[in-house]
Amino acid sequence: MAELVREVAGVSLQTQGHYIIKRKFWSFLERVFRVFTADGQMIMYVKHPLLKLREEFMIYADESEAKALLRVKSKQMIAINFSYEITDPNSGHVVGSVQKKGLRSIIRDKFIIHDAAGTEIGYAEEQGASILRRFIPLLTSKHAIFVDGQQAAYIQQRFRFFTKEFEVTLQPSKLDPQFVLAVALLALMAEARREDSN
């Protein structure tokens, strides 16, 4: 796994085990995701465009968009199993990739995680009452990320009015925390896209 920025806004990502991801309930041309540490410091900011033919977006350190942390780009314009390449925008090096299992995700969202060399190393999967959430989007969601057969992260939605809030708990793994958070963001973006189509 390529080396990433180890410190964002003075926060060491290697010593953090809990994060909060927030987005507004409604948006028009783009969804904005903000990632915070447990004590409220912003460490990631994403404007996720809704109308791009080939999905691509940057993950920044904050709302100024002065410091780019990661670039996420879909490898295809049209596909069932979309694959997203995640790169370091400063060096151009590939950090890893994430492939959505399209048909399998009809019942339960699943993403296969690959390292920089393209080797499968784990997966992210929706947990709990996934089928019910297809019909009742107000039910809170859960996702888990597994690496080498061990859980590396757990993402649980907290019910809030007027905003979507998700608590992310990381466990020690060989994955860089930034990459894990990027995988979490892709899972939540897929969920938001599905909700919009209901």
N, C-alpha and C. Protein backbone atom coordinates (compact mmCIF):
# COMPACT_ATOMS: atom_id res chain seq x y z
N MET A 1 0.84 -1.19 0.00
CA MET A 1 0.00 0.00 0.00
C MET A 1 0.89 1.24 0.00
N ALA A 2 0.63 2.16 -0.93
CA ALA A 2 1.46 3.35 -1.07
C ALA A 2 1.35 4.22 0.18
N GLU A 3 2.43 4.93 0.46
CA GLU A 3 2.43 5.83 1.61
C GLU A 3 1.57 7.05 1.32
N LEU A 4 0.72 7.42 2.26
CA LEU A 4 -0.14 8.58 2.12
C LEU A 4 0.23 9.62 3.17
N VAL A 5 -0.45 10.75 3.13
CA VAL A 5 -0.23 11.80 4.12
C VAL A 5 -0.62 11.25 5.49
N ARG A 6 0.31 11.26 6.41
CA ARG A 6 0.08 10.67 7.73
C ARG A 6 -0.59 11.65 8.69
N GLU A 7 -0.54 12.94 8.35
CA GLU A 7 -1.09 13.93 9.27
C GLU A 7 -1.91 14.93 8.47
N VAL A 8 -3.14 15.18 8.91
CA VAL A 8 -4.02 16.14 8.27
C VAL A 8 -4.52 17.11 9.32
N ALA A 9 -4.36 18.40 9.05
CA ALA A 9 -4.79 19.45 9.99
C ALA A 9 -4.19 19.22 11.38
N GLY A 10 -2.94 18.75 11.42
CA GLY A 10 -2.28 18.54 12.69
C GLY A 10 -2.72 17.28 13.41
N VAL A 11 -3.54 16.44 12.76
CA VAL A 11 -4.06 15.23 13.39
C VAL A 11 -3.34 14.02 12.80
N SER A 12 -2.74 13.19 13.65
CA SER A 12 -2.11 11.97 13.19
C SER A 12 -3.18 10.92 12.94
N LEU A 13 -3.33 10.51 11.67
CA LEU A 13 -4.36 9.53 11.34
C LEU A 13 -4.02 8.16 11.89
N GLN A 14 -2.75 7.92 12.19
CA GLN A 14 -2.35 6.61 12.71
C GLN A 14 -2.78 6.39 14.16
N THR A 15 -3.10 7.47 14.87
CA THR A 15 -3.48 7.33 16.27
C THR A 15 -4.98 7.50 16.49
N GLN A 16 -5.72 7.69 15.41
CA GLN A 16 -7.17 7.89 15.52
C GLN A 16 -7.90 6.58 15.23
N GLY A 17 -8.87 6.26 16.07
CA GLY A 17 -9.66 5.05 15.85
C GLY A 17 -11.11 5.31 15.53
N HIS A 18 -11.55 6.57 15.70
CA HIS A 18 -12.96 6.90 15.51
C HIS A 18 -13.11 8.17 14.66
N TYR A 19 -14.04 8.11 13.72
CA TYR A 19 -14.31 9.24 12.83
C TYR A 19 -15.82 9.39 12.65
N ILE A 20 -16.22 10.59 12.23
CA ILE A 20 -17.62 10.86 11.92
C ILE A 20 -17.70 11.40 10.49
N ILE A 21 -18.58 10.82 9.68
CA ILE A 21 -18.83 11.30 8.32
C ILE A 21 -20.22 11.91 8.29
N LYS A 22 -20.32 13.13 7.76
CA LYS A 22 -21.61 13.82 7.69
C LYS A 22 -21.91 14.30 6.28
N ARG A 23 -23.20 14.25 5.92
CA ARG A 23 -23.69 14.87 4.69
C ARG A 23 -25.12 15.30 4.92
N LYS A 24 -25.56 16.30 4.14
CA LYS A 24 -26.94 16.77 4.25
C LYS A 24 -27.89 15.75 3.64
N PHE A 25 -29.14 15.76 4.10
CA PHE A 25 -30.16 14.86 3.56
C PHE A 25 -30.36 15.10 2.07
N TRP A 26 -30.49 16.37 1.67
CA TRP A 26 -30.84 16.67 0.29
C TRP A 26 -29.73 17.49 -0.37
N SER A 27 -29.57 17.27 -1.66
CA SER A 27 -28.62 18.04 -2.45
C SER A 27 -29.09 18.03 -3.89
N PHE A 28 -28.59 18.97 -4.69
CA PHE A 28 -29.08 19.10 -6.07
C PHE A 28 -28.05 18.60 -7.09
N LEU A 29 -26.95 19.30 -7.27
CA LEU A 29 -25.96 18.94 -8.28
C LEU A 29 -24.78 18.15 -7.74
N GLU A 30 -24.62 18.14 -6.41
CA GLU A 30 -23.52 17.42 -5.80
C GLU A 30 -23.84 17.11 -4.35
N ARG A 31 -23.20 16.07 -3.85
CA ARG A 31 -23.31 15.74 -2.43
C ARG A 31 -22.00 16.11 -1.76
N VAL A 32 -22.09 16.73 -0.61
CA VAL A 32 -20.89 17.13 0.12
C VAL A 32 -20.75 16.25 1.35
N PHE A 33 -19.59 15.61 1.46
CA PHE A 33 -19.27 14.76 2.61
C PHE A 33 -18.15 15.43 3.40
N ARG A 34 -18.30 15.44 4.71
CA ARG A 34 -17.26 15.96 5.60
C ARG A 34 -16.89 14.87 6.59
N VAL A 35 -15.58 14.67 6.77
CA VAL A 35 -15.09 13.65 7.70
C VAL A 35 -14.39 14.36 8.86
N PHE A 36 -14.79 13.98 10.08
CA PHE A 36 -14.26 14.61 11.29
C PHE A 36 -13.64 13.55 12.19
N THR A 37 -12.68 13.97 13.01
CA THR A 37 -12.20 13.11 14.08
C THR A 37 -13.26 13.10 15.18
N ALA A 38 -13.08 12.23 16.16
CA ALA A 38 -14.06 12.11 17.24
C ALA A 38 -14.24 13.41 18.01
N ASP A 39 -13.18 14.25 18.05
CA ASP A 39 -13.28 15.52 18.78
C ASP A 39 -13.68 16.69 17.89
N GLY A 40 -14.11 16.41 16.66
CA GLY A 40 -14.71 17.45 15.81
C GLY A 40 -13.80 18.15 14.83
N GLN A 41 -12.56 17.70 14.65
CA GLN A 41 -11.65 18.33 13.68
C GLN A 41 -11.89 17.75 12.29
N MET A 42 -12.11 18.62 11.30
CA MET A 42 -12.31 18.13 9.94
C MET A 42 -10.98 17.66 9.35
N ILE A 43 -11.01 16.47 8.73
CA ILE A 43 -9.79 15.95 8.11
C ILE A 43 -10.01 15.58 6.64
N MET A 44 -11.27 15.54 6.19
CA MET A 44 -11.56 15.25 4.78
C MET A 44 -12.81 16.02 4.34
N TYR A 45 -12.77 16.44 3.08
CA TYR A 45 -13.89 17.18 2.51
C TYR A 45 -14.05 16.74 1.05
N VAL A 46 -15.27 16.34 0.68
CA VAL A 46 -15.52 15.82 -0.66
C VAL A 46 -16.77 16.46 -1.25
N LYS A 47 -16.63 16.99 -2.48
CA LYS A 47 -17.80 17.36 -3.28
C LYS A 47 -17.99 16.26 -4.31
N HIS A 48 -19.03 15.46 -4.14
CA HIS A 48 -19.26 14.33 -5.04
C HIS A 48 -20.25 14.73 -6.12
N PRO A 49 -19.80 14.92 -7.37
CA PRO A 49 -20.70 15.37 -8.45
C PRO A 49 -21.71 14.29 -8.80
N LEU A 50 -22.93 14.72 -9.16
CA LEU A 50 -24.00 13.78 -9.47
C LEU A 50 -24.21 13.57 -10.96
N LEU A 51 -23.75 14.49 -11.79
CA LEU A 51 -24.09 14.45 -13.21
C LEU A 51 -22.90 14.21 -14.13
N LYS A 52 -21.77 13.75 -13.59
CA LYS A 52 -20.61 13.47 -14.44
C LYS A 52 -20.77 12.14 -15.14
N LEU A 53 -20.38 12.09 -16.43
CA LEU A 53 -20.48 10.85 -17.20
C LEU A 53 -19.52 9.80 -16.64
N ARG A 54 -18.27 10.19 -16.41
CA ARG A 54 -17.30 9.29 -15.76
C ARG A 54 -17.05 9.84 -14.36
N GLU A 55 -17.40 9.06 -13.37
CA GLU A 55 -17.33 9.55 -11.99
C GLU A 55 -15.89 9.79 -11.57
N GLU A 56 -15.63 11.00 -11.09
CA GLU A 56 -14.30 11.37 -10.62
C GLU A 56 -14.42 12.49 -9.60
N PHE A 57 -13.67 12.39 -8.51
CA PHE A 57 -13.70 13.45 -7.51
C PHE A 57 -12.42 13.42 -6.69
N MET A 58 -12.16 14.54 -6.03
CA MET A 58 -10.98 14.68 -5.17
C MET A 58 -11.43 14.66 -3.71
N ILE A 59 -10.58 14.13 -2.87
CA ILE A 59 -10.78 14.21 -1.43
C ILE A 59 -9.75 15.21 -0.90
N TYR A 60 -10.26 16.27 -0.29
CA TYR A 60 -9.40 17.34 0.22
C TYR A 60 -9.31 17.28 1.74
N ALA A 61 -8.33 18.01 2.28
CA ALA A 61 -8.15 18.05 3.72
C ALA A 61 -9.22 18.90 4.40
N ASP A 62 -9.72 19.93 3.69
CA ASP A 62 -10.75 20.78 4.28
C ASP A 62 -11.48 21.54 3.18
N GLU A 63 -12.38 22.43 3.56
CA GLU A 63 -13.25 23.12 2.61
C GLU A 63 -12.52 24.13 1.73
N SER A 64 -11.30 24.50 2.08
CA SER A 64 -10.54 25.42 1.23
C SER A 64 -10.10 24.74 -0.06
N GLU A 65 -10.09 23.41 -0.06
CA GLU A 65 -9.66 22.60 -1.20
C GLU A 65 -8.22 22.92 -1.63
N ALA A 66 -7.42 23.37 -0.67
CA ALA A 66 -6.03 23.72 -0.97
C ALA A 66 -5.12 22.50 -0.94
N LYS A 67 -5.48 21.50 -0.14
CA LYS A 67 -4.63 20.31 0.02
C LYS A 67 -5.39 19.07 -0.42
N ALA A 68 -4.99 18.52 -1.57
CA ALA A 68 -5.64 17.30 -2.08
C ALA A 68 -5.00 16.08 -1.43
N LEU A 69 -5.83 15.18 -0.95
CA LEU A 69 -5.33 13.96 -0.29
C LEU A 69 -5.40 12.75 -1.21
N LEU A 70 -6.53 12.60 -1.90
CA LEU A 70 -6.74 11.44 -2.77
C LEU A 70 -7.58 11.83 -3.98
N ARG A 71 -7.33 11.14 -5.10
CA ARG A 71 -8.19 11.25 -6.28
C ARG A 71 -8.89 9.92 -6.48
N VAL A 72 -10.21 9.96 -6.68
CA VAL A 72 -11.00 8.76 -6.92
C VAL A 72 -11.61 8.87 -8.30
N LYS A 73 -11.35 7.87 -9.16
CA LYS A 73 -11.83 7.94 -10.53
C LYS A 73 -12.36 6.59 -10.99
N SER A 74 -13.55 6.60 -11.58
CA SER A 74 -14.11 5.38 -12.13
C SER A 74 -13.33 4.99 -13.38
N LYS A 75 -13.07 3.69 -13.53
CA LYS A 75 -12.36 3.21 -14.71
C LYS A 75 -13.28 3.08 -15.92
N GLN A 76 -14.60 3.07 -15.68
CA GLN A 76 -15.56 2.90 -16.78
C GLN A 76 -16.60 4.01 -16.74
N MET A 77 -17.22 4.25 -17.89
CA MET A 77 -18.36 5.17 -17.94
C MET A 77 -19.67 4.41 -17.72
N ILE A 78 -19.76 3.19 -18.27
CA ILE A 78 -20.95 2.36 -18.13
C ILE A 78 -20.50 0.96 -17.77
N ALA A 79 -21.02 0.42 -16.66
CA ALA A 79 -20.65 -0.94 -16.25
C ALA A 79 -21.60 -1.40 -15.15
N ILE A 80 -21.65 -2.72 -14.96
CA ILE A 80 -22.41 -3.27 -13.83
C ILE A 80 -21.51 -3.28 -12.60
N ASN A 81 -20.28 -3.75 -12.79
CA ASN A 81 -19.32 -3.80 -11.69
C ASN A 81 -18.33 -2.64 -11.81
N PHE A 82 -18.74 -1.45 -11.37
CA PHE A 82 -17.87 -0.29 -11.47
C PHE A 82 -16.61 -0.49 -10.63
N SER A 83 -15.48 -0.05 -11.17
CA SER A 83 -14.22 -0.11 -10.46
C SER A 83 -13.65 1.30 -10.32
N TYR A 84 -13.23 1.64 -9.11
CA TYR A 84 -12.72 2.98 -8.82
C TYR A 84 -11.24 2.88 -8.46
N GLU A 85 -10.42 3.65 -9.16
CA GLU A 85 -8.99 3.71 -8.85
C GLU A 85 -8.74 4.88 -7.91
N ILE A 86 -8.01 4.62 -6.85
CA ILE A 86 -7.70 5.64 -5.86
C ILE A 86 -6.21 5.93 -5.93
N THR A 87 -5.87 7.19 -6.20
CA THR A 87 -4.47 7.56 -6.37
C THR A 87 -4.09 8.72 -5.45
N ASP A 88 -2.79 8.84 -5.24
CA ASP A 88 -2.23 9.98 -4.54
C ASP A 88 -2.07 11.10 -5.57
N PRO A 89 -2.81 12.19 -5.48
CA PRO A 89 -2.74 13.24 -6.51
C PRO A 89 -1.41 13.98 -6.53
N ASN A 90 -0.64 13.87 -5.47
CA ASN A 90 0.64 14.57 -5.41
C ASN A 90 1.74 13.81 -6.14
N SER A 91 1.73 12.48 -6.03
CA SER A 91 2.75 11.66 -6.67
C SER A 91 2.24 10.95 -7.92
N GLY A 92 0.92 10.81 -8.02
CA GLY A 92 0.34 10.06 -9.13
C GLY A 92 0.33 8.56 -8.90
N HIS A 93 0.86 8.09 -7.78
CA HIS A 93 0.92 6.66 -7.50
C HIS A 93 -0.46 6.11 -7.16
N VAL A 94 -0.73 4.90 -7.63
CA VAL A 94 -1.98 4.22 -7.29
C VAL A 94 -1.89 3.71 -5.86
N VAL A 95 -2.91 4.00 -5.07
CA VAL A 95 -2.98 3.54 -3.69
C VAL A 95 -3.69 2.20 -3.62
N GLY A 96 -4.74 2.05 -4.43
CA GLY A 96 -5.53 0.83 -4.46
C GLY A 96 -6.75 1.05 -5.33
N SER A 97 -7.63 0.08 -5.37
CA SER A 97 -8.86 0.23 -6.14
C SER A 97 -9.99 -0.50 -5.44
N VAL A 98 -11.21 -0.10 -5.80
CA VAL A 98 -12.41 -0.66 -5.19
C VAL A 98 -13.38 -0.99 -6.31
N GLN A 99 -13.88 -2.23 -6.33
CA GLN A 99 -14.80 -2.65 -7.37
C GLN A 99 -16.14 -3.02 -6.77
N LYS A 100 -17.19 -2.37 -7.26
CA LYS A 100 -18.54 -2.68 -6.77
C LYS A 100 -19.05 -3.93 -7.46
N LYS A 101 -19.62 -4.84 -6.66
CA LYS A 101 -20.24 -6.04 -7.21
C LYS A 101 -21.68 -5.70 -7.55
N GLY A 102 -21.90 -5.35 -8.81
CA GLY A 102 -23.18 -4.78 -9.24
C GLY A 102 -24.39 -5.64 -8.96
N LEU A 103 -24.45 -6.86 -9.52
CA LEU A 103 -25.63 -7.70 -9.35
C LEU A 103 -25.80 -8.14 -7.91
N ARG A 104 -24.71 -8.45 -7.25
CA ARG A 104 -24.79 -8.86 -5.85
C ARG A 104 -25.29 -7.72 -4.96
N SER A 105 -25.01 -6.48 -5.36
CA SER A 105 -25.38 -5.32 -4.55
C SER A 105 -26.86 -4.97 -4.64
N ILE A 106 -27.61 -5.69 -5.47
CA ILE A 106 -29.06 -5.47 -5.52
C ILE A 106 -29.67 -5.76 -4.16
N ILE A 107 -29.17 -6.79 -3.48
CA ILE A 107 -29.68 -7.18 -2.16
C ILE A 107 -28.83 -6.59 -1.04
N ARG A 108 -27.51 -6.58 -1.25
CA ARG A 108 -26.60 -6.10 -0.20
C ARG A 108 -25.36 -5.53 -0.88
N ASP A 109 -25.09 -4.23 -0.66
CA ASP A 109 -23.93 -3.60 -1.30
C ASP A 109 -22.65 -4.33 -0.92
N LYS A 110 -21.82 -4.60 -1.94
CA LYS A 110 -20.52 -5.22 -1.68
C LYS A 110 -19.48 -4.64 -2.62
N PHE A 111 -18.30 -4.34 -2.07
CA PHE A 111 -17.17 -3.81 -2.83
C PHE A 111 -15.95 -4.68 -2.56
N ILE A 112 -15.23 -5.04 -3.62
CA ILE A 112 -13.98 -5.77 -3.48
C ILE A 112 -12.83 -4.77 -3.45
N ILE A 113 -11.91 -4.94 -2.50
CA ILE A 113 -10.80 -4.02 -2.31
C ILE A 113 -9.52 -4.65 -2.86
N HIS A 114 -8.79 -3.89 -3.69
CA HIS A 114 -7.52 -4.35 -4.26
C HIS A 114 -6.40 -3.40 -3.82
N ASP A 115 -5.21 -3.94 -3.69
CA ASP A 115 -4.06 -3.10 -3.37
C ASP A 115 -3.52 -2.45 -4.64
N ALA A 116 -2.41 -1.75 -4.52
CA ALA A 116 -1.85 -0.99 -5.66
C ALA A 116 -1.47 -1.90 -6.82
N ALA A 117 -1.16 -3.17 -6.52
CA ALA A 117 -0.75 -4.12 -7.56
C ALA A 117 -1.95 -4.83 -8.19
N GLY A 118 -3.16 -4.54 -7.67
CA GLY A 118 -4.35 -5.17 -8.22
C GLY A 118 -4.72 -6.47 -7.55
N THR A 119 -4.05 -6.82 -6.46
CA THR A 119 -4.35 -8.05 -5.72
C THR A 119 -5.51 -7.84 -4.77
N GLU A 120 -6.47 -8.75 -4.78
CA GLU A 120 -7.61 -8.64 -3.87
C GLU A 120 -7.16 -8.86 -2.44
N ILE A 121 -7.50 -7.91 -1.57
CA ILE A 121 -7.05 -7.99 -0.18
C ILE A 121 -8.20 -7.94 0.82
N GLY A 122 -9.40 -7.65 0.35
CA GLY A 122 -10.52 -7.57 1.28
C GLY A 122 -11.78 -7.11 0.60
N TYR A 123 -12.75 -6.73 1.40
CA TYR A 123 -14.02 -6.26 0.85
C TYR A 123 -14.76 -5.39 1.86
N ALA A 124 -15.68 -4.59 1.35
CA ALA A 124 -16.60 -3.81 2.18
C ALA A 124 -17.99 -4.31 1.88
N GLU A 125 -18.81 -4.47 2.91
CA GLU A 125 -20.13 -5.05 2.70
C GLU A 125 -21.16 -4.40 3.62
N GLU A 126 -22.35 -4.17 3.08
CA GLU A 126 -23.48 -3.67 3.86
C GLU A 126 -23.88 -4.74 4.86
N GLN A 127 -24.25 -4.32 6.05
CA GLN A 127 -24.62 -5.25 7.12
C GLN A 127 -26.09 -5.08 7.51
N GLY A 128 -26.60 -6.04 8.26
CA GLY A 128 -27.94 -5.90 8.84
C GLY A 128 -29.07 -6.07 7.85
N ALA A 129 -30.15 -5.34 8.09
CA ALA A 129 -31.41 -5.48 7.34
C ALA A 129 -31.34 -4.75 6.00
N SER A 130 -30.46 -5.21 5.12
CA SER A 130 -30.24 -4.51 3.86
C SER A 130 -31.46 -4.53 2.96
N ILE A 131 -32.19 -5.64 2.92
CA ILE A 131 -33.37 -5.73 2.05
C ILE A 131 -34.45 -4.75 2.52
N LEU A 132 -34.67 -4.69 3.83
CA LEU A 132 -35.67 -3.74 4.36
C LEU A 132 -35.31 -2.31 4.01
N ARG A 133 -34.00 -1.98 4.04
CA ARG A 133 -33.58 -0.61 3.74
C ARG A 133 -33.85 -0.24 2.28
N ARG A 134 -33.96 -1.25 1.41
CA ARG A 134 -34.30 -0.96 0.01
C ARG A 134 -35.70 -0.37 -0.09
N PHE A 135 -36.57 -0.74 0.86
CA PHE A 135 -37.96 -0.28 0.84
C PHE A 135 -38.25 0.81 1.87
N ILE A 136 -37.44 0.85 2.92
CA ILE A 136 -37.62 1.86 3.98
C ILE A 136 -36.29 2.56 4.19
N PRO A 137 -35.96 3.57 3.36
CA PRO A 137 -34.65 4.24 3.45
C PRO A 137 -34.37 4.92 4.79
N LEU A 138 -35.41 5.19 5.59
CA LEU A 138 -35.20 5.85 6.88
C LEU A 138 -34.50 4.93 7.88
N LEU A 139 -34.51 3.62 7.63
CA LEU A 139 -33.78 2.71 8.51
C LEU A 139 -32.29 3.00 8.43
N THR A 140 -31.63 3.03 9.57
CA THR A 140 -30.20 3.36 9.59
C THR A 140 -29.37 2.22 9.01
N SER A 141 -28.26 2.58 8.39
CA SER A 141 -27.43 1.61 7.69
C SER A 141 -26.20 1.23 8.49
N LYS A 142 -25.61 0.09 8.09
CA LYS A 142 -24.36 -0.39 8.69
C LYS A 142 -23.52 -1.00 7.58
N HIS A 143 -22.22 -0.79 7.64
CA HIS A 143 -21.28 -1.39 6.71
C HIS A 143 -20.05 -1.86 7.49
N ALA A 144 -19.37 -2.86 6.95
CA ALA A 144 -18.13 -3.32 7.55
C ALA A 144 -17.09 -3.50 6.46
N ILE A 145 -15.84 -3.26 6.80
CA ILE A 145 -14.72 -3.44 5.88
C ILE A 145 -13.82 -4.54 6.45
N PHE A 146 -13.51 -5.54 5.62
CA PHE A 146 -12.69 -6.67 6.04
C PHE A 146 -11.41 -6.73 5.23
N VAL A 147 -10.30 -7.02 5.89
CA VAL A 147 -9.00 -7.18 5.23
C VAL A 147 -8.35 -8.45 5.76
N ASP A 148 -7.96 -9.31 4.85
CA ASP A 148 -7.33 -10.59 5.22
C ASP A 148 -8.18 -11.36 6.23
N GLY A 149 -9.50 -11.32 6.03
CA GLY A 149 -10.41 -12.09 6.88
C GLY A 149 -10.72 -11.46 8.22
N GLN A 150 -10.15 -10.29 8.52
CA GLN A 150 -10.39 -9.61 9.79
C GLN A 150 -11.10 -8.28 9.54
N GLN A 151 -11.98 -7.91 10.46
CA GLN A 151 -12.69 -6.64 10.31
C GLN A 151 -11.73 -5.48 10.55
N ALA A 152 -11.65 -4.58 9.57
CA ALA A 152 -10.76 -3.42 9.66
C ALA A 152 -11.52 -2.14 10.01
N ALA A 153 -12.82 -2.12 9.74
CA ALA A 153 -13.61 -0.92 10.04
C ALA A 153 -15.08 -1.27 10.11
N TYR A 154 -15.80 -0.49 10.90
CA TYR A 154 -17.25 -0.65 11.02
C TYR A 154 -17.89 0.73 10.89
N ILE A 155 -18.88 0.85 10.02
CA ILE A 155 -19.54 2.13 9.75
C ILE A 155 -21.00 2.01 10.15
N GLN A 156 -21.43 2.81 11.10
CA GLN A 156 -22.81 2.73 11.59
C GLN A 156 -23.45 4.11 11.53
N GLN A 157 -24.62 4.17 10.91
CA GLN A 157 -25.35 5.44 10.81
C GLN A 157 -26.00 5.77 12.14
N ARG A 158 -25.93 7.03 12.51
CA ARG A 158 -26.62 7.55 13.68
C ARG A 158 -27.81 8.39 13.20
N PHE A 159 -28.97 8.16 13.76
CA PHE A 159 -30.15 8.90 13.31
C PHE A 159 -30.05 10.36 13.74
N ARG A 160 -30.17 11.26 12.77
CA ARG A 160 -30.16 12.69 13.00
C ARG A 160 -31.21 13.34 12.09
N PHE A 161 -31.79 14.44 12.55
CA PHE A 161 -32.70 15.21 11.71
C PHE A 161 -31.88 16.12 10.79
N PHE A 162 -32.28 16.19 9.52
CA PHE A 162 -31.72 17.12 8.52
C PHE A 162 -30.29 16.80 8.09
N THR A 163 -29.70 15.75 8.60
CA THR A 163 -28.35 15.39 8.16
C THR A 163 -28.18 13.88 8.25
N LYS A 164 -27.25 13.36 7.47
CA LYS A 164 -26.87 11.95 7.57
C LYS A 164 -25.54 11.90 8.32
N GLU A 165 -25.48 11.12 9.35
CA GLU A 165 -24.26 11.04 10.16
C GLU A 165 -23.86 9.58 10.36
N PHE A 166 -22.58 9.29 10.15
CA PHE A 166 -22.08 7.92 10.23
C PHE A 166 -20.85 7.89 11.13
N GLU A 167 -20.84 6.95 12.04
CA GLU A 167 -19.69 6.76 12.92
C GLU A 167 -18.81 5.66 12.34
N VAL A 168 -17.53 5.94 12.19
CA VAL A 168 -16.58 4.97 11.62
C VAL A 168 -15.59 4.57 12.71
N THR A 169 -15.52 3.28 12.98
CA THR A 169 -14.57 2.74 13.96
C THR A 169 -13.55 1.90 13.23
N LEU A 170 -12.27 2.26 13.37
CA LEU A 170 -11.19 1.53 12.69
C LEU A 170 -10.48 0.59 13.64
N GLN A 171 -10.13 -0.58 13.12
CA GLN A 171 -9.31 -1.54 13.83
C GLN A 171 -7.93 -1.58 13.15
N PRO A 172 -6.89 -1.96 13.87
CA PRO A 172 -5.56 -2.04 13.24
C PRO A 172 -5.57 -2.99 12.04
N SER A 173 -5.02 -2.54 10.93
CA SER A 173 -4.91 -3.37 9.73
C SER A 173 -3.76 -2.84 8.89
N LYS A 174 -3.46 -3.55 7.80
CA LYS A 174 -2.37 -3.10 6.93
C LYS A 174 -2.80 -1.95 6.03
N LEU A 175 -4.09 -1.61 6.02
CA LEU A 175 -4.58 -0.52 5.19
C LEU A 175 -4.31 0.83 5.84
N ASP A 176 -3.97 1.81 5.02
CA ASP A 176 -3.80 3.17 5.51
C ASP A 176 -5.18 3.73 5.88
N PRO A 177 -5.31 4.44 7.02
CA PRO A 177 -6.60 4.99 7.43
C PRO A 177 -7.27 5.85 6.35
N GLN A 178 -6.48 6.62 5.59
CA GLN A 178 -7.06 7.44 4.52
C GLN A 178 -7.74 6.57 3.48
N PHE A 179 -7.10 5.48 3.12
CA PHE A 179 -7.67 4.57 2.13
C PHE A 179 -8.95 3.93 2.68
N VAL A 180 -8.94 3.52 3.95
CA VAL A 180 -10.13 2.94 4.57
C VAL A 180 -11.29 3.94 4.54
N LEU A 181 -11.01 5.20 4.85
CA LEU A 181 -12.05 6.22 4.84
C LEU A 181 -12.56 6.48 3.42
N ALA A 182 -11.68 6.38 2.42
CA ALA A 182 -12.11 6.51 1.03
C ALA A 182 -13.06 5.38 0.65
N VAL A 183 -12.76 4.16 1.10
CA VAL A 183 -13.65 3.02 0.85
C VAL A 183 -15.00 3.25 1.53
N ALA A 184 -14.97 3.74 2.76
CA ALA A 184 -16.20 4.05 3.49
C ALA A 184 -17.03 5.09 2.73
N LEU A 185 -16.38 6.12 2.22
CA LEU A 185 -17.08 7.16 1.47
C LEU A 185 -17.73 6.59 0.21
N LEU A 186 -17.03 5.70 -0.51
CA LEU A 186 -17.61 5.09 -1.71
C LEU A 186 -18.84 4.26 -1.35
N ALA A 187 -18.81 3.55 -0.23
CA ALA A 187 -19.97 2.77 0.20
C ALA A 187 -21.15 3.68 0.52
N LEU A 188 -20.89 4.80 1.18
CA LEU A 188 -21.97 5.73 1.54
C LEU A 188 -22.50 6.47 0.31
N MET A 189 -21.64 6.72 -0.66
CA MET A 189 -22.09 7.34 -1.91
C MET A 189 -23.02 6.40 -2.69
N ALA A 190 -22.68 5.11 -2.70
CA ALA A 190 -23.53 4.13 -3.36
C ALA A 190 -24.89 4.07 -2.69
N GLU A 191 -24.90 4.14 -1.37
CA GLU A 191 -26.15 4.12 -0.63
C GLU A 191 -26.99 5.37 -0.95
N ALA A 192 -26.33 6.53 -1.00
CA ALA A 192 -27.05 7.77 -1.30
C ALA A 192 -27.64 7.73 -2.71
N ARG A 193 -26.88 7.18 -3.64
CA ARG A 193 -27.36 7.07 -5.04
C ARG A 193 -28.60 6.19 -5.11
N ARG A 194 -28.59 5.10 -4.37
CA ARG A 194 -29.73 4.19 -4.35
C ARG A 194 -30.95 4.87 -3.73
N GLU A 195 -30.75 5.62 -2.65
CA GLU A 195 -31.85 6.32 -2.00
C GLU A 195 -32.48 7.34 -2.94
N ASP A 196 -31.64 8.03 -3.73
CA ASP A 196 -32.14 9.03 -4.65
C ASP A 196 -33.00 8.42 -5.74
N SER A 197 -32.72 7.16 -6.09
CA SER A 197 -33.46 6.52 -7.17
C SER A 197 -34.77 5.90 -6.69
N ASN A 198 -34.97 5.83 -5.36
CA ASN A 198 -36.22 5.25 -4.82
C ASN A 198 -37.39 6.21 -4.96
